[in-house]
C-alpha atoms as a PDB file:
ATOM      1  CA  MET A   1      54.967 125.969  72.464  1.00  0.00           C
ATOM      2  CA  ASN A   2      51.919 123.714  72.457  1.00  0.00           C
ATOM      3  CA  HIS A   3      54.106 120.587  72.134  1.00  0.00           C
ATOM      4  CA  LEU A   4      56.201 121.620  75.162  1.00  0.00           C
ATOM      5  CA  TYR A   5      53.048 122.284  77.155  1.00  0.00           C
ATOM      6  CA  SER A   6      51.769 118.781  76.280  1.00  0.00           C
ATOM      7  CA  LYS A   7      55.016 117.179  77.501  1.00  0.00           C
ATOM      8  CA  VAL A   8      54.907 119.077  80.782  1.00  0.00           C
ATOM      9  CA  MET A   9      51.260 118.172  81.326  1.00  0.00           C
ATOM     10  CA  ALA A  10      51.944 114.503  80.527  1.00  0.00           C
ATOM     11  CA  LYS A  11      54.872 114.442  82.968  1.00  0.00           C
ATOM     12  CA  ASN A  12      52.741 116.054  85.673  1.00  0.00           C
ATOM     13  CA  LEU A  13      49.979 113.512  85.054  1.00  0.00           C
ATOM     14  CA  VAL A  14      52.437 110.609  85.353  1.00  0.00           C
ATOM     15  CA  ASN A  15      53.891 112.075  88.563  1.00  0.00           C
ATOM     16  CA  LYS A  16      50.372 112.496  89.931  1.00  0.00           C
ATOM     17  CA  TYR A  17      49.521 108.827  89.315  1.00  0.00           C
ATOM     18  CA  VAL A  18      52.869 107.588  90.629  1.00  0.00           C
ATOM     19  CA  TYR A  19      52.263 109.593  93.806  1.00  0.00           C
ATOM     20  CA  LYS A  20      48.749 108.144  94.161  1.00  0.00           C
ATOM     21  CA  ILE A  21      49.984 104.586  93.695  1.00  0.00           C
ATOM     22  CA  PHE A  22      52.807 105.165  96.187  1.00  0.00           C
ATOM     23  CA  SER A  23      50.373 106.673  98.691  1.00  0.00           C
ATOM     24  CA  LEU A  24      48.085 103.652  98.431  1.00  0.00           C
ATOM     25  CA  PHE A  25      51.027 101.310  98.830  1.00  0.00           C
ATOM     26  CA  VAL A  26      52.248 103.107 101.949  1.00  0.00           C
ATOM     27  CA  HIS A  27      48.822 102.986 103.558  1.00  0.00           C
ATOM     28  CA  PHE A  28      48.245  99.287 102.924  1.00  0.00           C
ATOM     29  CA  VAL A  29      51.696  97.931 103.788  1.00  0.00           C
ATOM     30  CA  PRO A  30      51.890  97.195 107.528  1.00  0.00           C
ATOM     31  CA  TYR A  31      54.534  99.089 109.426  1.00  0.00           C
ATOM     32  CA  THR A  32      56.841  96.332 110.638  1.00  0.00           C
ATOM     33  CA  THR A  33      60.121  98.090 111.234  1.00  0.00           C
ATOM     34  CA  LYS A  34      59.469  99.205 114.789  1.00  0.00           C
ATOM     35  CA  MET A  35      62.525  99.782 116.939  1.00  0.00           C
ATOM     36  CA  GLU A  36      61.836  96.695 119.082  1.00  0.00           C
ATOM     37  CA  ASP A  37      61.540  94.516 115.985  1.00  0.00           C
ATOM     38  CA  GLY A  38      64.855  95.874 114.722  1.00  0.00           C
ATOM     39  CA  LYS A  39      66.570  95.144 118.018  1.00  0.00           C
ATOM     40  CA  LYS A  40      65.147  91.617 118.062  1.00  0.00           C
ATOM     41  CA  SER A  41      66.386  91.060 114.528  1.00  0.00           C
ATOM     42  CA  LEU A  42      69.874  92.242 115.433  1.00  0.00           C
ATOM     43  CA  LYS A  43      69.922  89.878 118.423  1.00  0.00           C
ATOM     44  CA  LYS A  44      68.794  86.983 116.205  1.00  0.00           C
ATOM     45  CA  LEU A  45      71.435  87.845 113.608  1.00  0.00           C
ATOM     46  CA  GLY A  46      74.117  88.027 116.285  1.00  0.00           C
ATOM     47  CA  ALA A  47      73.050  84.704 117.761  1.00  0.00           C
ATOM     48  CA  ARG A  48      73.149  83.179 114.277  1.00  0.00           C
ATOM     49  CA  ILE A  49      76.693  84.459 113.699  1.00  0.00           C
ATOM     50  CA  ALA A  50      77.805  83.135 117.098  1.00  0.00           C
ATOM     51  CA  SER A  51      76.205  79.759 116.406  1.00  0.00           C
ATOM     52  CA  LEU A  52      77.863  79.407 113.003  1.00  0.00           C
ATOM     53  CA  ARG A  53      81.200  80.574 114.431  1.00  0.00           C
ATOM     54  CA  LYS A  54      81.047  78.001 117.234  1.00  0.00           C
ATOM     55  CA  LYS A  55      80.159  75.207 114.780  1.00  0.00           C
ATOM     56  CA  LYS A  56      83.398  76.003 112.960  1.00  0.00           C
ATOM     57  CA  ASN A  57      85.344  76.128 116.275  1.00  0.00           C
ATOM     58  CA  ILE A  58      86.466  79.712 115.648  1.00  0.00           C
ATOM     59  CA  SER A  59      86.930  82.180 118.495  1.00  0.00           C
ATOM     60  CA  GLN A  60      85.552  85.713 118.381  1.00  0.00           C
ATOM     61  CA  THR A  61      89.116  87.008 118.216  1.00  0.00           C
ATOM     62  CA  ASP A  62      89.984  84.760 115.277  1.00  0.00           C
ATOM     63  CA  LEU A  63      86.797  85.669 113.421  1.00  0.00           C
ATOM     64  CA  GLY A  64      87.566  89.319 114.055  1.00  0.00           C
ATOM     65  CA  VAL A  65      91.049  88.908 112.605  1.00  0.00           C
ATOM     66  CA  LEU A  66      89.637  87.149 109.527  1.00  0.00           C
ATOM     67  CA  CYS A  67      87.132  90.009 109.071  1.00  0.00           C
ATOM     68  CA  ASN A  68      89.635  92.760 109.911  1.00  0.00           C
ATOM     69  CA  LEU A  69      87.652  93.653 113.058  1.00  0.00           C
ATOM     70  CA  ASP A  70      88.658  93.702 116.707  1.00  0.00           C
ATOM     71  CA  ARG A  71      87.159  91.271 119.237  1.00  0.00           C
ATOM     72  CA  GLN A  72      85.001  93.996 120.792  1.00  0.00           C
ATOM     73  CA  SER A  73      83.361  94.713 117.435  1.00  0.00           C
ATOM     74  CA  MET A  74      82.638  91.016 116.969  1.00  0.00           C
ATOM     75  CA  TRP A  75      81.196  90.861 120.490  1.00  0.00           C
ATOM     76  CA  ARG A  76      78.893  93.838 119.787  1.00  0.00           C
ATOM     77  CA  ILE A  77      77.686  92.237 116.544  1.00  0.00           C
ATOM     78  CA  GLU A  78      77.043  88.869 118.204  1.00  0.00           C
ATOM     79  CA  ALA A  79      75.312  90.534 121.159  1.00  0.00           C
ATOM     80  CA  GLY A  80      73.018  92.463 118.813  1.00  0.00           C
ATOM     81  CA  ARG A  81      74.322  95.773 120.111  1.00  0.00           C
ATOM     82  CA  THR A  82      75.363  97.147 116.733  1.00  0.00           C
ATOM     83  CA  ASN A  83      73.986  97.071 113.223  1.00  0.00           C
ATOM     84  CA  PRO A  84      76.725  95.613 111.000  1.00  0.00           C
ATOM     85  CA  THR A  85      77.110  96.998 107.511  1.00  0.00           C
ATOM     86  CA  TYR A  86      76.478  94.903 104.440  1.00  0.00           C
ATOM     87  CA  LEU A  87      80.208  94.738 103.755  1.00  0.00           C
ATOM     88  CA  THR A  88      80.900  93.551 107.302  1.00  0.00           C
ATOM     89  CA  LEU A  89      78.300  90.811 106.887  1.00  0.00           C
ATOM     90  CA  LEU A  90      79.965  89.777 103.620  1.00  0.00           C
ATOM     91  CA  LYS A  91      83.335  89.603 105.411  1.00  0.00           C
ATOM     92  CA  ILE A  92      81.778  87.422 108.111  1.00  0.00           C
ATOM     93  CA  CYS A  93      80.252  85.142 105.460  1.00  0.00           C
ATOM     94  CA  THR A  94      83.585  84.840 103.701  1.00  0.00           C
ATOM     95  CA  ALA A  95      85.405  84.084 106.947  1.00  0.00           C
ATOM     96  CA  LEU A  96      82.836  81.435 107.929  1.00  0.00           C
ATOM     97  CA  GLU A  97      82.747  80.072 104.360  1.00  0.00           C
ATOM     98  CA  ILE A  98      78.981  80.434 104.093  1.00  0.00           C
ATOM     99  CA  SER A  99      76.618  82.252 101.773  1.00  0.00           C
ATOM    100  CA  PRO A 100      74.765  85.403 102.847  1.00  0.00           C
ATOM    101  CA  LYS A 101      71.547  83.407 102.449  1.00  0.00           C
ATOM    102  CA  THR A 102      72.760  80.869 105.012  1.00  0.00           C
ATOM    103  CA  LEU A 103      73.693  83.651 107.413  1.00  0.00           C
ATOM    104  CA  MET A 104      70.303  85.319 107.120  1.00  0.00           C
ATOM    105  CA  ASP A 105      68.375  82.061 107.641  1.00  0.00           C
ATOM    106  CA  PHE A 106      67.638  82.677 111.316  1.00  0.00           C
ATOM    107  CA  GLU A 107      63.851  83.079 111.399  1.00  0.00           C
END
């Protein structure tokens, strides 16, 4: 019984310290994911995709076909109107023959 009590107390102590560390981290990390920042990032990402697509002389329709997306979906991504999934971004990278790192280099 005493051994079980020691394990429970140790686990509670660890959880208490993990919570304290997490709380400190949350308070000291600046909040940078405001809605406006997210929208700006999506617009930058879309502009980057459009730029890379145009360098390869590929139309939105053709890129959509290569990514199994319709032209409207490609337009929304390039306009920054939608948040593409990770898998969609990988499809775009594959279609443009670029790495994800190259795609995300828009800052």
